Amino acid sequence: MSKLKSKLPGASGNIQDLEAFIAGAETKSTTPGFAGKASTTYPWQEPGIRDDVLKIYNLRLPEPYLLKLKYIAEHTPDSMQKFCWQVLQDAIDKKIEELTQ
């Protein structure tokens, strides 16, 4: 039976592999949320991100809140989807402003 052996990065003697590993770690550490506010480009600002593309995100709600949401939709002109979208969009923008200042 063979024993598992662990090796440190670069233990093979190839210094180029070790330098590439370190360079990759340094690149990743400047992403927002990982090492603070080092980068000024956020994921939603990347090229190719489009406002007209809608993505689906499922949200689990306790039953009383789903019933409250249905009640809001029945007693206002907004659908459940539209109400949640408006409230959530405002909350997301506010939180992003706090995080990126």
N, C-alpha and C. Protein backbone atom coordinates (compact mmCIF):
# COMPACT_ATOMS: atom_id res chain seq x y z
N MET A 1 0.84 -1.16 0.00
CA MET A 1 0.00 0.00 0.00
C MET A 1 0.90 1.23 0.00
N SER A 2 0.61 2.18 -0.91
CA SER A 2 1.43 3.39 -0.99
C SER A 2 0.84 4.46 -0.07
N LYS A 3 1.74 5.27 0.46
CA LYS A 3 1.32 6.36 1.33
C LYS A 3 1.14 7.62 0.50
N LEU A 4 0.16 8.43 0.88
CA LEU A 4 -0.03 9.72 0.23
C LEU A 4 1.05 10.67 0.70
N LYS A 5 1.57 11.44 -0.20
CA LYS A 5 2.59 12.41 0.15
C LYS A 5 2.14 13.77 -0.35
N SER A 6 2.33 14.77 0.47
CA SER A 6 1.99 16.12 0.03
C SER A 6 3.26 16.86 -0.29
N LYS A 7 3.17 17.75 -1.26
CA LYS A 7 4.32 18.55 -1.66
C LYS A 7 3.93 20.01 -1.63
N LEU A 8 4.83 20.84 -1.25
CA LEU A 8 4.62 22.27 -1.30
C LEU A 8 4.71 22.74 -2.75
N PRO A 9 3.99 23.82 -3.11
CA PRO A 9 4.13 24.36 -4.47
C PRO A 9 5.60 24.66 -4.75
N GLY A 10 6.06 24.21 -5.86
CA GLY A 10 7.45 24.46 -6.23
C GLY A 10 8.42 23.42 -5.68
N ALA A 11 7.91 22.43 -4.95
CA ALA A 11 8.79 21.42 -4.37
C ALA A 11 9.43 20.56 -5.44
N SER A 12 8.86 20.60 -6.64
CA SER A 12 9.41 19.82 -7.74
C SER A 12 10.71 20.43 -8.26
N GLY A 13 11.02 21.64 -7.79
CA GLY A 13 12.24 22.30 -8.22
C GLY A 13 12.03 23.26 -9.37
N ASN A 14 10.81 23.34 -9.91
CA ASN A 14 10.54 24.22 -11.03
C ASN A 14 10.11 25.59 -10.51
N ILE A 15 11.02 26.54 -10.49
CA ILE A 15 10.77 27.87 -9.94
C ILE A 15 9.76 28.63 -10.78
N GLN A 16 9.67 28.35 -12.08
CA GLN A 16 8.69 29.03 -12.94
C GLN A 16 7.26 28.68 -12.54
N ASP A 17 7.04 27.42 -12.17
CA ASP A 17 5.71 27.01 -11.71
C ASP A 17 5.35 27.73 -10.42
N LEU A 18 6.30 27.86 -9.52
CA LEU A 18 6.07 28.55 -8.27
C LEU A 18 5.77 30.03 -8.51
N GLU A 19 6.50 30.66 -9.40
CA GLU A 19 6.27 32.08 -9.70
C GLU A 19 4.90 32.29 -10.36
N ALA A 20 4.50 31.35 -11.23
CA ALA A 20 3.19 31.45 -11.87
C ALA A 20 2.07 31.28 -10.83
N PHE A 21 2.30 30.37 -9.88
CA PHE A 21 1.34 30.15 -8.81
C PHE A 21 1.18 31.42 -7.97
N ILE A 22 2.27 32.05 -7.60
CA ILE A 22 2.24 33.27 -6.80
C ILE A 22 1.61 34.41 -7.58
N ALA A 23 1.94 34.54 -8.85
CA ALA A 23 1.37 35.60 -9.68
C ALA A 23 -0.15 35.43 -9.78
N GLY A 24 -0.62 34.22 -9.92
CA GLY A 24 -2.05 33.96 -9.98
C GLY A 24 -2.73 34.32 -8.68
N ALA A 25 -2.11 34.03 -7.55
CA ALA A 25 -2.68 34.37 -6.26
C ALA A 25 -2.73 35.87 -6.07
N GLU A 26 -1.72 36.58 -6.52
CA GLU A 26 -1.71 38.03 -6.40
C GLU A 26 -2.79 38.65 -7.27
N THR A 27 -3.03 38.11 -8.45
CA THR A 27 -4.06 38.62 -9.34
C THR A 27 -5.44 38.45 -8.71
N LYS A 28 -5.71 37.30 -8.13
CA LYS A 28 -7.01 37.04 -7.54
C LYS A 28 -7.24 37.87 -6.29
N SER A 29 -6.22 38.25 -5.58
CA SER A 29 -6.41 38.97 -4.33
C SER A 29 -6.87 40.41 -4.53
N THR A 30 -6.88 40.90 -5.77
CA THR A 30 -7.32 42.27 -6.00
C THR A 30 -8.78 42.35 -6.42
N THR A 31 -9.49 41.21 -6.40
CA THR A 31 -10.89 41.25 -6.78
C THR A 31 -11.71 41.85 -5.66
N PRO A 32 -12.79 42.59 -6.00
CA PRO A 32 -13.61 43.22 -4.97
C PRO A 32 -14.21 42.19 -4.04
N GLY A 33 -14.28 42.52 -2.78
CA GLY A 33 -14.85 41.62 -1.79
C GLY A 33 -13.86 40.61 -1.27
N PHE A 34 -12.76 40.41 -1.95
CA PHE A 34 -11.76 39.44 -1.50
C PHE A 34 -10.70 40.13 -0.67
N ALA A 35 -10.18 41.23 -1.17
CA ALA A 35 -9.12 41.93 -0.45
C ALA A 35 -9.45 43.41 -0.34
N GLY A 36 -10.72 43.71 -0.22
CA GLY A 36 -11.09 45.12 -0.06
C GLY A 36 -11.47 45.75 -1.37
N LYS A 37 -11.19 47.03 -1.49
CA LYS A 37 -11.63 47.81 -2.64
C LYS A 37 -10.48 48.12 -3.59
N ALA A 38 -9.60 47.15 -3.83
CA ALA A 38 -8.42 47.38 -4.65
C ALA A 38 -8.76 47.57 -6.12
N SER A 39 -9.86 46.99 -6.57
CA SER A 39 -10.22 47.08 -7.98
C SER A 39 -11.37 48.06 -8.16
N THR A 40 -11.39 48.77 -9.28
CA THR A 40 -12.48 49.69 -9.55
C THR A 40 -13.47 49.11 -10.55
N THR A 41 -13.22 47.94 -11.09
CA THR A 41 -14.14 47.29 -12.00
C THR A 41 -14.87 46.18 -11.24
N TYR A 42 -16.18 46.28 -11.20
CA TYR A 42 -16.99 45.30 -10.50
C TYR A 42 -17.62 44.35 -11.51
N PRO A 43 -18.07 43.18 -11.06
CA PRO A 43 -18.61 42.19 -12.01
C PRO A 43 -19.74 42.74 -12.88
N TRP A 44 -20.57 43.59 -12.35
CA TRP A 44 -21.69 44.14 -13.13
C TRP A 44 -21.25 45.22 -14.11
N GLN A 45 -19.97 45.61 -14.06
CA GLN A 45 -19.43 46.60 -14.98
C GLN A 45 -18.59 45.97 -16.08
N GLU A 46 -18.44 44.67 -16.05
CA GLU A 46 -17.62 43.97 -17.04
C GLU A 46 -18.22 44.12 -18.44
N PRO A 47 -17.37 44.10 -19.46
CA PRO A 47 -17.89 44.15 -20.84
C PRO A 47 -18.79 42.94 -21.10
N GLY A 48 -19.83 43.17 -21.83
CA GLY A 48 -20.74 42.08 -22.19
C GLY A 48 -21.91 41.92 -21.24
N ILE A 49 -21.92 42.63 -20.11
CA ILE A 49 -23.06 42.57 -19.20
C ILE A 49 -24.15 43.47 -19.76
N ARG A 50 -25.34 42.89 -19.91
CA ARG A 50 -26.42 43.63 -20.58
C ARG A 50 -27.62 43.80 -19.66
N ASP A 51 -28.21 45.00 -19.70
CA ASP A 51 -29.40 45.29 -18.91
C ASP A 51 -30.64 44.57 -19.44
N ASP A 52 -30.64 44.22 -20.71
CA ASP A 52 -31.83 43.60 -21.29
C ASP A 52 -31.88 42.09 -21.09
N VAL A 53 -30.85 41.51 -20.51
CA VAL A 53 -30.82 40.07 -20.24
C VAL A 53 -31.32 39.85 -18.81
N LEU A 54 -32.41 39.10 -18.68
CA LEU A 54 -32.98 38.82 -17.37
C LEU A 54 -32.58 37.41 -16.95
N LYS A 55 -32.14 37.28 -15.73
CA LYS A 55 -31.75 35.99 -15.17
C LYS A 55 -32.76 35.61 -14.08
N ILE A 56 -32.96 34.34 -13.89
CA ILE A 56 -33.92 33.86 -12.90
C ILE A 56 -33.19 33.55 -11.60
N TYR A 57 -33.79 34.00 -10.51
CA TYR A 57 -33.28 33.70 -9.17
C TYR A 57 -34.47 33.29 -8.31
N ASN A 58 -34.48 32.06 -7.85
CA ASN A 58 -35.58 31.59 -7.01
C ASN A 58 -35.37 32.05 -5.58
N LEU A 59 -36.44 32.38 -4.93
CA LEU A 59 -36.38 32.86 -3.56
C LEU A 59 -37.35 32.05 -2.71
N ARG A 60 -36.84 31.44 -1.65
CA ARG A 60 -37.70 30.70 -0.73
C ARG A 60 -38.22 31.66 0.33
N LEU A 61 -39.53 31.67 0.50
CA LEU A 61 -40.17 32.52 1.51
C LEU A 61 -40.97 31.64 2.46
N PRO A 62 -41.00 32.02 3.73
CA PRO A 62 -41.92 31.33 4.63
C PRO A 62 -43.36 31.56 4.14
N GLU A 63 -44.23 30.61 4.37
CA GLU A 63 -45.59 30.68 3.87
C GLU A 63 -46.31 31.98 4.22
N PRO A 64 -46.19 32.49 5.46
CA PRO A 64 -46.88 33.75 5.77
C PRO A 64 -46.42 34.90 4.87
N TYR A 65 -45.13 34.94 4.52
CA TYR A 65 -44.65 36.02 3.67
C TYR A 65 -45.10 35.86 2.22
N LEU A 66 -45.22 34.65 1.77
CA LEU A 66 -45.76 34.44 0.42
C LEU A 66 -47.21 34.89 0.37
N LEU A 67 -47.97 34.59 1.41
CA LEU A 67 -49.37 35.03 1.46
C LEU A 67 -49.47 36.56 1.55
N LYS A 68 -48.56 37.17 2.29
CA LYS A 68 -48.52 38.64 2.36
C LYS A 68 -48.21 39.24 0.99
N LEU A 69 -47.28 38.61 0.30
CA LEU A 69 -46.90 39.08 -1.04
C LEU A 69 -48.08 38.96 -2.00
N LYS A 70 -48.79 37.85 -1.92
CA LYS A 70 -49.99 37.69 -2.76
C LYS A 70 -51.03 38.74 -2.42
N TYR A 71 -51.19 39.05 -1.15
CA TYR A 71 -52.15 40.06 -0.73
C TYR A 71 -51.78 41.43 -1.31
N ILE A 72 -50.48 41.77 -1.27
CA ILE A 72 -50.02 43.03 -1.85
C ILE A 72 -50.37 43.07 -3.34
N ALA A 73 -50.11 41.98 -4.04
CA ALA A 73 -50.38 41.93 -5.48
C ALA A 73 -51.88 42.05 -5.78
N GLU A 74 -52.70 41.50 -4.92
CA GLU A 74 -54.15 41.56 -5.13
C GLU A 74 -54.72 42.95 -4.84
N HIS A 75 -54.02 43.73 -4.01
CA HIS A 75 -54.55 45.02 -3.58
C HIS A 75 -53.77 46.21 -4.12
N THR A 76 -52.88 45.98 -5.06
CA THR A 76 -52.14 47.05 -5.73
C THR A 76 -52.08 46.74 -7.22
N PRO A 77 -51.68 47.71 -8.03
CA PRO A 77 -51.57 47.43 -9.46
C PRO A 77 -50.37 46.54 -9.82
N ASP A 78 -49.44 46.37 -8.90
CA ASP A 78 -48.22 45.60 -9.20
C ASP A 78 -48.41 44.10 -9.01
N SER A 79 -47.76 43.33 -9.86
CA SER A 79 -47.72 41.88 -9.68
C SER A 79 -46.73 41.56 -8.55
N MET A 80 -46.76 40.32 -8.10
CA MET A 80 -45.79 39.90 -7.07
C MET A 80 -44.38 40.10 -7.59
N GLN A 81 -44.14 39.72 -8.84
CA GLN A 81 -42.83 39.83 -9.46
C GLN A 81 -42.38 41.28 -9.52
N LYS A 82 -43.26 42.16 -9.98
CA LYS A 82 -42.90 43.57 -10.13
C LYS A 82 -42.63 44.21 -8.77
N PHE A 83 -43.47 43.91 -7.78
CA PHE A 83 -43.26 44.46 -6.44
C PHE A 83 -41.90 44.03 -5.89
N CYS A 84 -41.61 42.75 -5.95
CA CYS A 84 -40.32 42.24 -5.43
C CYS A 84 -39.16 42.83 -6.19
N TRP A 85 -39.29 42.92 -7.50
CA TRP A 85 -38.21 43.45 -8.33
C TRP A 85 -37.89 44.88 -7.93
N GLN A 86 -38.92 45.73 -7.75
CA GLN A 86 -38.69 47.12 -7.40
C GLN A 86 -38.05 47.26 -6.01
N VAL A 87 -38.59 46.54 -5.05
CA VAL A 87 -38.06 46.62 -3.68
C VAL A 87 -36.63 46.07 -3.61
N LEU A 88 -36.42 44.95 -4.25
CA LEU A 88 -35.10 44.31 -4.22
C LEU A 88 -34.06 45.14 -4.96
N GLN A 89 -34.43 45.69 -6.10
CA GLN A 89 -33.49 46.52 -6.87
C GLN A 89 -33.04 47.72 -6.04
N ASP A 90 -33.97 48.39 -5.39
CA ASP A 90 -33.61 49.54 -4.55
C ASP A 90 -32.69 49.12 -3.40
N ALA A 91 -33.01 48.00 -2.77
CA ALA A 91 -32.19 47.51 -1.65
C ALA A 91 -30.79 47.11 -2.12
N ILE A 92 -30.70 46.48 -3.28
CA ILE A 92 -29.39 46.08 -3.82
C ILE A 92 -28.56 47.31 -4.13
N ASP A 93 -29.15 48.30 -4.81
CA ASP A 93 -28.40 49.52 -5.14
C ASP A 93 -27.91 50.24 -3.89
N LYS A 94 -28.75 50.29 -2.87
CA LYS A 94 -28.36 50.95 -1.62
C LYS A 94 -27.19 50.21 -0.96
N LYS A 95 -27.26 48.90 -0.91
CA LYS A 95 -26.19 48.09 -0.28
C LYS A 95 -24.90 48.20 -1.08
N ILE A 96 -24.98 48.19 -2.41
CA ILE A 96 -23.79 48.33 -3.25
C ILE A 96 -23.16 49.69 -3.03
N GLU A 97 -23.96 50.73 -2.90
CA GLU A 97 -23.42 52.06 -2.64
C GLU A 97 -22.66 52.07 -1.31
N GLU A 98 -23.20 51.43 -0.29
CA GLU A 98 -22.51 51.33 1.00
C GLU A 98 -21.19 50.58 0.88
N LEU A 99 -21.19 49.50 0.13
CA LEU A 99 -20.01 48.65 0.03
C LEU A 99 -18.91 49.23 -0.85
N THR A 100 -19.27 50.09 -1.77
CA THR A 100 -18.27 50.57 -2.74
C THR A 100 -17.81 52.00 -2.48
N GLN A 101 -18.24 52.61 -1.40
CA GLN A 101 -17.79 53.97 -1.10
C GLN A 101 -16.49 53.95 -0.35
